[in-house]
Amino acid sequence: MKSPYMGKFKVSQTYKPGQHDGLDLVGIDSKEIHATVAGTVHYAGWENADVPAQGLGRYVCIRGKDGLFTTTGTSRSSA
């Protein structure tokens, strides 16, 4: 697995089928998030702007050079 953090990180929530559809990571050395694939930003903003309490919150979707999409959610900013 490629980490979006440049330094140390920990897993704060694991994938649980039917309960949690992802893997939550927390940066230890830095909170700065980096892309894990080379590609272009397909979307950056709120995943569910109408109901912010649902979904990923602030979210970035990158289309990789292989055509697959990689997402990162619940970050403080998408700059």
N, C-alpha and C. Protein backbone atom coordinates (compact mmCIF):
# COMPACT_ATOMS: atom_id res chain seq x y z
N MET A 1 0.84 -1.17 0.00
CA MET A 1 0.00 0.00 0.00
C MET A 1 0.89 1.24 0.00
N LYS A 2 0.55 2.19 -0.84
CA LYS A 2 1.25 3.48 -0.83
C LYS A 2 0.52 4.40 0.13
N SER A 3 1.28 5.08 0.97
CA SER A 3 0.71 5.99 1.95
C SER A 3 0.64 7.40 1.39
N PRO A 4 -0.43 8.15 1.70
CA PRO A 4 -0.49 9.55 1.31
C PRO A 4 0.36 10.45 2.21
N TYR A 5 1.00 9.87 3.22
CA TYR A 5 1.87 10.62 4.12
C TYR A 5 3.32 10.34 3.79
N MET A 6 4.17 11.36 3.88
CA MET A 6 5.58 11.19 3.57
C MET A 6 6.35 10.55 4.72
N GLY A 7 5.86 10.68 5.93
CA GLY A 7 6.53 10.11 7.10
C GLY A 7 5.73 8.98 7.70
N LYS A 8 5.85 8.83 9.00
CA LYS A 8 5.15 7.77 9.72
C LYS A 8 3.66 8.07 9.79
N PHE A 9 2.87 7.00 9.83
CA PHE A 9 1.42 7.13 9.97
C PHE A 9 0.91 5.92 10.73
N LYS A 10 -0.33 5.99 11.17
CA LYS A 10 -0.96 4.83 11.80
C LYS A 10 -2.34 4.65 11.19
N VAL A 11 -2.83 3.43 11.25
CA VAL A 11 -4.18 3.11 10.80
C VAL A 11 -5.11 3.36 11.98
N SER A 12 -6.08 4.26 11.80
CA SER A 12 -6.99 4.59 12.89
C SER A 12 -8.33 3.87 12.76
N GLN A 13 -8.63 3.38 11.57
CA GLN A 13 -9.89 2.65 11.34
C GLN A 13 -9.66 1.69 10.18
N THR A 14 -9.99 0.44 10.37
CA THR A 14 -9.80 -0.55 9.31
C THR A 14 -11.08 -0.74 8.50
N TYR A 15 -10.94 -1.39 7.36
CA TYR A 15 -12.08 -1.72 6.51
C TYR A 15 -12.93 -2.76 7.21
N LYS A 16 -14.24 -2.52 7.26
CA LYS A 16 -15.18 -3.46 7.87
C LYS A 16 -16.37 -3.57 6.92
N PRO A 17 -16.50 -4.68 6.19
CA PRO A 17 -17.59 -4.82 5.21
C PRO A 17 -18.96 -4.48 5.83
N GLY A 18 -19.69 -3.62 5.14
CA GLY A 18 -21.02 -3.22 5.59
C GLY A 18 -21.03 -2.17 6.69
N GLN A 19 -19.85 -1.82 7.23
CA GLN A 19 -19.79 -0.83 8.31
C GLN A 19 -18.91 0.35 7.96
N HIS A 20 -17.71 0.06 7.45
CA HIS A 20 -16.75 1.13 7.14
C HIS A 20 -16.05 0.76 5.84
N ASP A 21 -16.35 1.51 4.77
CA ASP A 21 -15.89 1.16 3.43
C ASP A 21 -14.53 1.73 3.06
N GLY A 22 -13.64 1.83 4.01
CA GLY A 22 -12.33 2.39 3.69
C GLY A 22 -11.32 2.07 4.76
N LEU A 23 -10.19 2.70 4.64
CA LEU A 23 -9.09 2.56 5.59
C LEU A 23 -8.70 3.97 6.01
N ASP A 24 -8.80 4.27 7.30
CA ASP A 24 -8.47 5.62 7.78
C ASP A 24 -7.04 5.65 8.29
N LEU A 25 -6.28 6.63 7.82
CA LEU A 25 -4.90 6.80 8.22
C LEU A 25 -4.72 8.16 8.90
N VAL A 26 -3.80 8.23 9.84
CA VAL A 26 -3.47 9.48 10.52
C VAL A 26 -1.96 9.68 10.43
N GLY A 27 -1.55 10.83 9.92
CA GLY A 27 -0.12 11.14 9.85
C GLY A 27 0.44 11.42 11.22
N ILE A 28 1.61 10.87 11.52
CA ILE A 28 2.26 11.11 12.81
C ILE A 28 3.31 12.21 12.66
N ASP A 29 4.19 12.09 11.67
CA ASP A 29 5.25 13.08 11.45
C ASP A 29 4.71 14.38 10.85
N SER A 30 3.69 14.25 10.01
CA SER A 30 3.12 15.41 9.31
C SER A 30 1.67 15.10 8.97
N LYS A 31 0.84 16.12 8.93
CA LYS A 31 -0.56 15.95 8.54
C LYS A 31 -0.75 16.24 7.05
N GLU A 32 0.34 16.62 6.36
CA GLU A 32 0.27 16.94 4.94
C GLU A 32 0.00 15.67 4.13
N ILE A 33 -0.99 15.74 3.23
CA ILE A 33 -1.40 14.58 2.43
C ILE A 33 -0.89 14.74 1.00
N HIS A 34 -0.34 13.67 0.45
CA HIS A 34 0.21 13.67 -0.90
C HIS A 34 -0.52 12.63 -1.75
N ALA A 35 -0.57 12.85 -3.05
CA ALA A 35 -1.18 11.88 -3.96
C ALA A 35 -0.39 10.58 -3.94
N THR A 36 -1.07 9.46 -4.03
CA THR A 36 -0.40 8.16 -4.04
C THR A 36 -0.20 7.62 -5.45
N VAL A 37 -0.74 8.32 -6.44
CA VAL A 37 -0.58 7.92 -7.84
C VAL A 37 -0.28 9.15 -8.69
N ALA A 38 0.37 8.93 -9.82
CA ALA A 38 0.59 10.01 -10.78
C ALA A 38 -0.66 10.12 -11.64
N GLY A 39 -1.17 11.31 -11.84
CA GLY A 39 -2.36 11.50 -12.64
C GLY A 39 -2.85 12.93 -12.58
N THR A 40 -4.14 13.12 -12.85
CA THR A 40 -4.74 14.45 -12.81
C THR A 40 -5.91 14.47 -11.84
N VAL A 41 -6.12 15.63 -11.23
CA VAL A 41 -7.25 15.77 -10.30
C VAL A 41 -8.54 15.76 -11.11
N HIS A 42 -9.40 14.81 -10.81
CA HIS A 42 -10.70 14.68 -11.46
C HIS A 42 -11.73 15.54 -10.73
N TYR A 43 -11.64 15.59 -9.40
CA TYR A 43 -12.58 16.38 -8.59
C TYR A 43 -11.91 16.71 -7.26
N ALA A 44 -12.14 17.91 -6.75
CA ALA A 44 -11.71 18.30 -5.41
C ALA A 44 -12.79 19.18 -4.83
N GLY A 45 -13.30 18.83 -3.67
CA GLY A 45 -14.36 19.59 -3.01
C GLY A 45 -15.08 18.72 -2.01
N TRP A 46 -16.32 19.06 -1.71
CA TRP A 46 -17.11 18.25 -0.78
C TRP A 46 -17.78 17.13 -1.53
N GLU A 47 -17.68 15.92 -1.00
CA GLU A 47 -18.31 14.77 -1.65
C GLU A 47 -19.83 14.87 -1.59
N ASN A 48 -20.36 15.32 -0.48
CA ASN A 48 -21.81 15.43 -0.32
C ASN A 48 -22.12 16.81 0.29
N ALA A 49 -22.09 17.82 -0.55
CA ALA A 49 -22.25 19.21 -0.07
C ALA A 49 -23.63 19.46 0.55
N ASP A 50 -24.66 18.75 0.08
CA ASP A 50 -26.01 18.95 0.60
C ASP A 50 -26.18 18.42 2.02
N VAL A 51 -25.46 17.35 2.35
CA VAL A 51 -25.54 16.74 3.68
C VAL A 51 -24.10 16.46 4.14
N PRO A 52 -23.40 17.51 4.62
CA PRO A 52 -21.98 17.37 4.96
C PRO A 52 -21.66 16.29 6.00
N ALA A 53 -22.64 15.93 6.84
CA ALA A 53 -22.39 14.90 7.86
C ALA A 53 -22.29 13.50 7.26
N GLN A 54 -22.71 13.33 6.01
CA GLN A 54 -22.65 12.03 5.34
C GLN A 54 -21.53 12.02 4.31
N GLY A 55 -21.03 10.88 4.04
CA GLY A 55 -20.02 10.74 3.00
C GLY A 55 -18.61 11.03 3.49
N LEU A 56 -17.72 11.34 2.56
CA LEU A 56 -16.30 11.52 2.87
C LEU A 56 -15.94 12.91 3.36
N GLY A 57 -16.84 13.87 3.23
CA GLY A 57 -16.49 15.25 3.59
C GLY A 57 -15.64 15.86 2.49
N ARG A 58 -14.60 16.60 2.85
CA ARG A 58 -13.70 17.16 1.84
C ARG A 58 -12.98 15.99 1.18
N TYR A 59 -12.91 16.05 -0.14
CA TYR A 59 -12.55 14.85 -0.88
C TYR A 59 -11.81 15.21 -2.16
N VAL A 60 -10.81 14.40 -2.49
CA VAL A 60 -10.03 14.58 -3.72
C VAL A 60 -10.05 13.26 -4.48
N CYS A 61 -10.36 13.33 -5.76
CA CYS A 61 -10.38 12.15 -6.62
C CYS A 61 -9.37 12.38 -7.75
N ILE A 62 -8.42 11.44 -7.89
CA ILE A 62 -7.38 11.55 -8.91
C ILE A 62 -7.54 10.41 -9.91
N ARG A 63 -7.52 10.78 -11.20
CA ARG A 63 -7.54 9.76 -12.25
C ARG A 63 -6.08 9.45 -12.59
N GLY A 64 -5.66 8.23 -12.30
CA GLY A 64 -4.29 7.82 -12.54
C GLY A 64 -4.01 7.63 -14.01
N LYS A 65 -2.75 7.54 -14.36
CA LYS A 65 -2.35 7.33 -15.75
C LYS A 65 -2.88 6.01 -16.30
N ASP A 66 -3.21 5.07 -15.41
CA ASP A 66 -3.78 3.78 -15.83
C ASP A 66 -5.29 3.84 -16.01
N GLY A 67 -5.91 5.02 -15.75
CA GLY A 67 -7.35 5.19 -15.90
C GLY A 67 -8.15 4.91 -14.65
N LEU A 68 -7.52 4.35 -13.62
CA LEU A 68 -8.22 4.07 -12.37
C LEU A 68 -8.29 5.32 -11.51
N PHE A 69 -9.32 5.39 -10.67
CA PHE A 69 -9.52 6.54 -9.79
C PHE A 69 -9.09 6.21 -8.37
N THR A 70 -8.42 7.14 -7.72
CA THR A 70 -8.00 7.02 -6.34
C THR A 70 -8.59 8.19 -5.58
N THR A 71 -9.17 7.92 -4.41
CA THR A 71 -9.80 8.99 -3.64
C THR A 71 -9.18 9.12 -2.25
N THR A 72 -9.20 10.34 -1.76
CA THR A 72 -8.80 10.65 -0.39
C THR A 72 -9.90 11.53 0.18
N GLY A 73 -10.39 11.18 1.36
CA GLY A 73 -11.48 11.96 1.94
C GLY A 73 -11.19 12.41 3.35
N THR A 74 -12.01 13.36 3.80
CA THR A 74 -12.00 13.90 5.15
C THR A 74 -10.69 14.58 5.48
N SER A 75 -10.09 15.27 4.52
CA SER A 75 -8.92 16.06 4.82
C SER A 75 -9.38 17.49 5.11
N ARG A 76 -8.55 18.27 5.77
CA ARG A 76 -8.95 19.63 6.15
C ARG A 76 -9.05 20.58 4.99
N SER A 77 -8.21 20.38 3.97
CA SER A 77 -8.29 21.24 2.78
C SER A 77 -7.86 20.44 1.57
N SER A 78 -8.27 20.90 0.40
CA SER A 78 -7.92 20.19 -0.82
C SER A 78 -7.02 21.04 -1.70
N ALA A 79 -6.29 21.97 -1.10
CA ALA A 79 -5.39 22.86 -1.84
C ALA A 79 -4.14 22.12 -2.29
